Every structure is written in C-alpha cells, then in structure tokens.
Amino acid sequence: MLSAFLVGESSLHEWHLAKALSATKRVRVVASLSTAAASLAEAPSDVVIVCLRSGLTHTLGRVLQKPTLSPCLVVAERPSSALARACVSRQVSCLAAPESPEQIVSAAELCVCGVVFYSANLVALLPTKPASGGWTDVDVQILLLLGEGLPLRQVAHRLSYSEGTVRNMCSRLYRRLGAGNRLGALLEARKIGLL
C-alpha cells in the first residue's frame, strides 16, 4: 500500500480527495495540509500529491519551494498552459483533470517508481512552436491574457509574477509593438501574427 501526503488549496478539497483515495484500498493518506503550511518534510511518505483546483502556478511554486524527499505528483482539476510549462520546467509529474481516484493512484505509483510524466490533456496545453521574431512564450502568454480582458493583477497571479513585473513587461511589449495601450498592442500583435 502506497503512503501519500496530500497538499491542497483548501482543507475541504483535501478531505474529499483523501476519502476518495483511501476508498481505493491502494493508498494510505498519512497527512495533509494546505499550501500555506510550513514543511512537507515533517510527514514521511512515498509520494506527495499536490491538489490544485484551478491550475495556478503560484500555488505549485510555493509547494515546490518546500523541501521534500518524496516524489511529487500534481493533480490539477482545471489545467492551464502556465501550469503545463511550470510542471515541465520543474520536471514534476502532472495529471490534469483526472477521471477517477484510481487514475490518481496509478499516477502516484508511477511517480514512486521514478517516472516523470504528463497527461495528454496537459501536454496539449504546451506551445507547439516557439514564438518567432524574438518574442518569448511569456510575451505571447501576457498578450493572450490581456486579450481576455484580465487586469494586470490577475495576469500576474496567473503567471506567478509580481504585478510590478507584469506592468514592466507590458510596457516593454507596448514599446516593441509601437502601441500606446492594451488595445493597440493586441491589434498590432494580431497584425504581425503573434496572436
């Protein structure tokens, strides 16, 4: 039987997942905590399962900054392209939109065996080609989020950057695109084929 340490965005979410995993009779949940808690190293386990409801990378970043000797599996209900890039860059296994607790258990067993994997629906969120003309993936991601009408605070939150950093990045993007505002930047980006 696999021992798992759950980390979630809320204690209610952890409780539901712990109950579902325990019902499979293949996992014993040794402990759980919210992402705001201090240390993952306090509860030894075979695997750390990080439960994300929204796919936000800032939560993942907080968790992965904490030391753990166990392999880590990210389970995201609503994955995002930012989460996909974060998991791939950190070489952390990720199961996106799991259909059953058994699927989570199977993924955890692979992690314990040292396999790093990404579910197909997560891989589909990764960019298929690099941006041309010296534009980075972050530039394109910022433009896409601005195109959704999100305020800078939410863009920063989704990309795990500070609001000031995103503001500076937007100013740089506007200058490069020869635009004075968000709408102008989006129109120019469409014109040159970035969006």
Protein backbone atom coordinates (compact mmCIF):
# COMPACT_ATOMS: atom_id res chain seq x y z
CA MET A 1 0.00 0.00 0.00
CA LEU A 2 1.27 3.42 -1.02
CA SER A 3 1.55 6.17 1.59
CA ALA A 4 0.64 9.65 0.37
CA PHE A 5 0.99 13.14 1.77
CA LEU A 6 -1.69 15.49 0.39
CA VAL A 7 -1.21 19.20 -0.15
CA GLY A 8 -4.26 21.16 -1.25
CA GLU A 9 -5.62 24.63 -1.71
CA SER A 10 -8.31 24.01 0.91
CA SER A 11 -8.82 21.52 3.74
CA LEU A 12 -12.27 20.55 2.40
CA HIS A 13 -10.79 19.68 -1.00
CA GLU A 14 -8.03 17.64 0.70
CA TRP A 15 -10.59 15.82 2.82
CA HIS A 16 -12.67 14.79 -0.21
CA LEU A 17 -9.59 13.62 -2.11
CA ALA A 18 -8.20 11.75 0.92
CA LYS A 19 -11.52 9.96 1.33
CA ALA A 20 -11.64 9.01 -2.37
CA LEU A 21 -8.02 7.81 -2.43
CA SER A 22 -8.44 5.77 0.75
CA ALA A 23 -11.52 4.10 -0.74
CA THR A 24 -9.33 2.58 -3.48
CA LYS A 25 -7.56 0.50 -0.78
CA ARG A 26 -4.28 1.17 -2.63
CA VAL A 27 -3.32 4.40 -0.83
CA ARG A 28 -2.96 5.33 2.81
CA VAL A 29 -3.06 9.10 3.36
CA VAL A 30 -0.54 9.78 6.13
CA ALA A 31 -1.15 13.54 6.42
CA SER A 32 -2.47 16.56 4.60
CA LEU A 33 -2.02 20.29 4.83
CA SER A 34 -2.88 23.44 3.00
CA THR A 35 -0.25 25.05 0.81
CA ALA A 36 0.26 27.77 3.40
CA ALA A 37 1.67 25.27 5.92
CA ALA A 38 5.31 25.17 6.82
CA SER A 39 7.03 21.96 5.78
CA LEU A 40 6.45 18.90 3.65
CA ALA A 41 9.38 17.13 5.25
CA GLU A 42 7.51 16.65 8.54
CA ALA A 43 5.40 13.72 7.27
CA PRO A 44 7.43 11.00 5.54
CA SER A 45 5.55 9.35 2.69
CA ASP A 46 6.08 7.53 -0.60
CA VAL A 47 4.67 10.40 -2.65
CA VAL A 48 3.50 14.00 -2.22
CA ILE A 49 0.26 14.69 -4.09
CA VAL A 50 -0.39 18.38 -4.76
CA CYS A 51 -4.09 19.01 -5.44
CA LEU A 52 -4.82 22.11 -7.48
CA ARG A 53 -8.37 23.06 -8.30
CA SER A 54 -7.52 25.99 -10.53
CA GLY A 55 -4.16 25.11 -12.05
CA LEU A 56 -2.48 28.24 -10.72
CA THR A 57 1.29 28.06 -10.82
CA HIS A 58 1.84 30.31 -7.78
CA THR A 59 0.43 27.52 -5.58
CA LEU A 60 2.72 24.97 -7.22
CA GLY A 61 5.69 27.30 -6.80
CA ARG A 62 5.02 27.67 -3.07
CA VAL A 63 4.79 23.91 -2.63
CA LEU A 64 7.91 23.08 -4.62
CA GLN A 65 9.98 25.58 -2.66
CA LYS A 66 9.46 23.44 0.43
CA PRO A 67 11.92 20.57 0.88
CA THR A 68 10.68 17.02 0.40
CA LEU A 69 12.44 13.74 -0.21
CA SER A 70 9.38 12.15 -1.79
CA PRO A 71 8.49 12.35 -5.47
CA CYS A 72 5.77 14.87 -6.27
CA LEU A 73 2.59 14.47 -8.33
CA VAL A 74 0.49 17.49 -9.29
CA VAL A 75 -3.21 16.78 -9.78
CA ALA A 76 -4.99 19.71 -11.45
CA GLU A 77 -8.74 19.85 -11.99
CA ARG A 78 -8.56 22.76 -14.43
CA PRO A 79 -5.09 22.84 -16.00
CA SER A 80 -3.63 25.90 -17.70
CA SER A 81 -0.78 26.39 -20.14
CA ALA A 82 1.17 28.18 -17.38
CA LEU A 83 0.80 25.11 -15.16
CA ALA A 84 1.91 22.85 -18.02
CA ARG A 85 5.06 24.92 -18.55
CA ALA A 86 5.76 25.05 -14.79
CA CYS A 87 5.50 21.27 -14.40
CA VAL A 88 7.66 20.55 -17.45
CA SER A 89 10.33 23.09 -16.45
CA ARG A 90 10.49 21.67 -12.90
CA GLN A 91 10.23 18.05 -14.11
CA VAL A 92 7.26 17.36 -11.86
CA SER A 93 4.67 14.78 -12.92
CA CYS A 94 1.23 16.20 -13.60
CA LEU A 95 -2.15 14.59 -14.05
CA ALA A 96 -4.68 17.02 -15.48
CA ALA A 97 -8.44 16.62 -14.99
CA PRO A 98 -8.34 13.06 -13.60
CA GLU A 99 -11.45 10.98 -14.22
CA SER A 100 -11.23 8.80 -11.11
CA PRO A 101 -9.31 8.28 -7.86
CA GLU A 102 -7.86 5.10 -9.41
CA GLN A 103 -6.24 7.21 -12.12
CA ILE A 104 -4.60 9.37 -9.43
CA VAL A 105 -3.36 6.27 -7.59
CA SER A 106 -1.87 4.81 -10.79
CA ALA A 107 -0.12 8.12 -11.48
CA ALA A 108 1.23 8.21 -7.90
CA GLU A 109 2.58 4.67 -8.32
CA LEU A 110 4.45 5.76 -11.45
CA CYS A 111 5.95 8.69 -9.52
CA VAL A 112 7.17 6.38 -6.77
CA CYS A 113 8.92 4.30 -9.46
CA GLY A 114 10.78 7.43 -10.60
CA VAL A 115 8.75 8.07 -13.76
CA VAL A 116 8.10 11.73 -14.60
CA PHE A 117 5.05 12.01 -16.83
CA TYR A 118 2.49 14.49 -18.07
CA SER A 119 -1.08 13.59 -19.02
CA ALA A 120 -2.05 14.08 -22.66
CA ASN A 121 -4.53 16.87 -21.89
CA LEU A 122 -1.73 18.79 -20.14
CA VAL A 123 0.75 18.28 -23.00
CA ALA A 124 -1.88 19.67 -25.38
CA LEU A 125 -1.66 22.98 -23.49
CA LEU A 126 2.07 23.39 -24.20
CA PRO A 127 3.07 25.70 -27.06
CA THR A 128 3.76 23.67 -30.21
CA LYS A 129 6.19 26.11 -31.80
CA PRO A 130 8.40 28.83 -30.43
CA ALA A 131 7.30 32.39 -30.99
CA SER A 132 9.05 33.98 -33.95
CA GLY A 133 10.83 37.30 -34.23
CA GLY A 134 12.40 37.19 -30.78
CA TRP A 135 9.05 37.03 -28.96
CA THR A 136 9.12 34.77 -25.91
CA ASP A 137 6.38 32.43 -24.76
CA VAL A 138 5.84 34.77 -21.80
CA ASP A 139 5.30 37.70 -24.18
CA VAL A 140 2.65 35.72 -26.04
CA GLN A 141 1.06 34.48 -22.80
CA ILE A 142 0.81 38.03 -21.46
CA LEU A 143 -0.79 39.21 -24.70
CA LEU A 144 -3.29 36.33 -24.60
CA LEU A 145 -4.24 37.13 -21.00
CA LEU A 146 -4.54 40.83 -21.82
CA GLY A 147 -6.77 39.80 -24.72
CA GLU A 148 -9.05 38.04 -22.24
CA GLY A 149 -9.55 41.43 -20.60
CA LEU A 150 -7.85 40.47 -17.34
CA PRO A 151 -6.49 43.26 -15.14
CA LEU A 152 -2.72 43.27 -14.56
CA ARG A 153 -3.16 41.89 -11.03
CA GLN A 154 -4.85 38.74 -12.40
CA VAL A 155 -2.32 38.40 -15.24
CA ALA A 156 0.45 38.50 -12.62
CA HIS A 157 -1.40 35.98 -10.45
CA ARG A 158 -1.85 33.53 -13.35
CA LEU A 159 1.79 33.76 -14.42
CA SER A 160 3.25 33.75 -10.89
CA TYR A 161 4.92 37.14 -11.31
CA SER A 162 4.56 40.27 -9.23
CA GLU A 163 2.20 42.93 -10.52
CA GLY A 164 5.13 45.33 -10.97
CA THR A 165 7.00 42.81 -13.12
CA VAL A 166 3.96 42.31 -15.34
CA ARG A 167 3.48 46.08 -15.61
CA ASN A 168 7.12 46.42 -16.76
CA MET A 169 6.72 43.54 -19.21
CA CYS A 170 3.56 45.15 -20.64
CA SER A 171 5.36 48.48 -21.08
CA ARG A 172 8.16 46.70 -22.94
CA LEU A 173 5.61 44.85 -25.10
CA TYR A 174 3.76 48.08 -25.91
CA ARG A 175 7.06 49.75 -26.94
CA ARG A 176 8.10 46.79 -29.11
CA LEU A 177 4.70 46.73 -30.78
CA GLY A 178 4.61 50.52 -31.22
CA ALA A 179 1.38 50.76 -29.25
CA GLY A 180 0.29 53.16 -26.56
CA ASN A 181 -2.22 50.92 -24.82
CA ARG A 182 -3.59 47.40 -24.43
CA LEU A 183 -5.95 47.52 -27.40
CA GLY A 184 -3.27 48.91 -29.70
CA ALA A 185 -0.83 46.20 -28.59
CA LEU A 186 -3.38 43.45 -29.20
CA LEU A 187 -4.23 44.81 -32.67
CA GLU A 188 -0.53 45.05 -33.61
CA ALA A 189 0.14 41.55 -32.24
CA ARG A 190 -2.68 40.17 -34.42
CA LYS A 191 -1.38 42.11 -37.42
CA ILE A 192 2.11 40.56 -37.15
CA GLY A 193 0.76 37.07 -36.43
CA LEU A 194 1.62 36.73 -32.75
CA LEU A 195 -2.00 36.06 -31.78
